[in-house]
Amino acid sequence: MASRDYSSLYNALPNNRFRIFSLEPLQGDGKIKGHIKQAAFDPNLEYFALSYTWACPVPGTPDRADSEIEIDGVPFMIQDNLFQCLCRLLKESEVQIGNLWIDAICINQKDDQEKAKQVSIMGQIYQSARKVLIWLGPHDGHLQDAVKLIKSLCAITDTQRRQIRPDTLTTITSKNLIGKCSDRGFWISLAIFFSRAWFVRAWVMQEVILAKSFLIFCGDLPSNSLTWEELVLVSDFLATSIWTHALRSQKFLKGLPIDTHVNGPTVLNAAKISLHRGDDPLLYNLIRSRRYVCQDEKDKVFSVYSVARGNSTYTSLLPAPDYKMTASEVYIATAVSVLRGSKDLLLLAYAEGKDFRNHNSLPSWVPDWSIRDIVGLGVTGYRRFWASGDLQRDLHIHDSHRIISIRAAAFDEINAVGESKRHVTSESTFPQWLDIIQNISKIYCTGEYRMDVFWRTLITNTGPSGDDFPSTIPRVQFRHWLLKVGVHCHQKRDTNQDATDTLKKLADLFEAEGPDSIVPSPTEIITMAQSMDAADRENNDIFLESDAFETILAHTPCLRLFTTKLGLLGKGSQSLCAGDTIFIVPGLRVPLILRRLESHVSTKQRNLEKFEVVGGAYVHGFMRGEALQRPLDFQSVELS
């Protein structure tokens, strides 16, 4: 925004007061004009709160110069996206001369103290608004087609939607269900629509969660063209089907560099439901907003403070937003508030080690929320697990807020690690994974075959809904995925050593498992590779089934497979190493991987072992209190 003096517009705001912008009807000169006035929270005050992005709303389009409006006779520069939004709102009868709350206008952006105070009541501002107006951005060449496809998908049943896949778009079934929207171009337009910046803007979290209702605006479309319910329905479908993989595939998108966020409305809707369910409003929303972006790293947590303050537990625990603090200081203060406001230690499972740090000054137990990678096991809250049973946490937060002490018991030690899931899904090679599987017992300690333990571990033993343990369906999909990987490696065997090694180890595993196992034979791999061209593979049922498994596999890319000294199979943070220790921690639903640092003498002159946090772990067969059946020695340890 251009640097100008707007001090005459901004008189000091008393506590719990805010400003409203009244938009005037367009006059003959065509200039956008309005007035600012102070307001207090009053049930009789009607206004609309705007949810939009400061940055360019449509990726790939050039930024345009700021535009000038007039506020109380003073020329005022605003971003082009906001200018386009005001132009659109002036055409809307419901809000044509209404009161608006717009952060860029109603807050003195040059006054950090005022910004901090307004941020602290922003949740109440959105909660008290008559409606929240969502501005997704101006028109582009893909908007009409995207909206047509959204409407078509909403007009059929979920069972019918599931029949529409990337490989079935040209079939009579798809054409009968969605007509001309079965053309691939409509789906590319949908991917571009969900790449709009609003879907990953950090502040959107509180704006959506706290809103009474919405009006959605996009380009010149009427405000009733899209409803929030329609966005959520289509987002749910895309996020839980093979489409989440296809709409990120360069092959399907014909090489277009699109970073689509198809699960955006699904995440926001889950957060809204979670709030009414009574989940931790601070930590859960921080977890959900990992992929979100903001101009100031501190806003990554400030943007959910207002939601958390609605919970009586956090009303007094959360510090006031302070833009003079560093991001590290804000993240530490927030972590301390989470620990003091909850009865568990779930926070520790979301600190994922040195591979996921922009701020190296943070203690290892404090998550770095500036990291946008989807870390953790991909199951928000881990309510399906209770590795430590009903044991209560024992926590001491040191005065410095840089060290905490917890009670924990060493359970096992990691002795071998494999490739990261990110590597496997991009390269389709995993010789280290196959070494790991070869080195565990054919019959696992749970009585399952090791190959079943393998696929269940890869997907955290979790189905697409995120709730139930998967049926045997993924077992078939997993076999087809192994076959697809085998075909890929056969094609690359002469130029890629990892592909050659993967092929050899698959053959070794087939020989060890026997012909009745789910491991494809070398003959099957070679026959399929030689008998099919690229088009055949794209439309082959086996390869389509493998894509379904890969969709689940790719959900949590920042994890690494491991085995332990006790012969257990698990997965944890990409940062883990051989020699790291797996602990059972009272108050934490999943095992915790720690790395020993040194012995430390505390103020009570007791020798405490000192560790850094590597992250939470999934250890197959030991996620529901089974470890407590073994002799465990619980001791106090320090985390720094």
Foldseek 3Di string as FASTA:
>chain_A
DDDDDPVVQDDDDDAQKWKKWWWDAQDPVRATETEIDIDHQDLPAAEEEEQEDQDAFFPPDDFDDWDWHYYPNRTDTGGPQVVLVLVLQCVPPVPNGGIYDYCVPTFPPVDQVRVLSCLQCVLVVLLSYPFYEYESGADDPLVVLQLLQLVLLVVDDLVLLQVQDLLCLPPPSNCVRRNPNSPLSSVLSNQSSQLTQSLQALLVLSNLLNHPAYFYDYHNDPSPSDGLVSLQVQLLSCLLFLNVVLSCDCVSNVNDNGDGDSNSSVLSVVLNVCLVVPPQQQVLSLLSNLQHDDPAQLCSRSSSLNSNCVDVLLVPQQDRDGPVDHSLVSQLSSQVSVPSSDFFLQQQQQQADDVQDPPPVAFSSGHRSNHSANFGLLQRPLPVFALQAQFTWDWDQDPVSRKMKTKWWFQFFFAAWWDFLLCCLVPLFTLRLLVLLVPFDCQDPVRDGSVVVSLCQLLVLAHSVSHHRDDCLVVLLVLLLLLVSLLVLVVCVVPDVRSVSRNVSLQVVCVVVDPVHSRDHNVSSVVVNVPDDPVCLVNPPSNVSNSSSVSSSVSRRQKIWTATPVRWTKIHGVNDDGGWTWIDGRRHQFIWTWAWDAWDQDPVRDTATETRTNHGMRIPPSRYHPSVVDDTDIDMHMGD
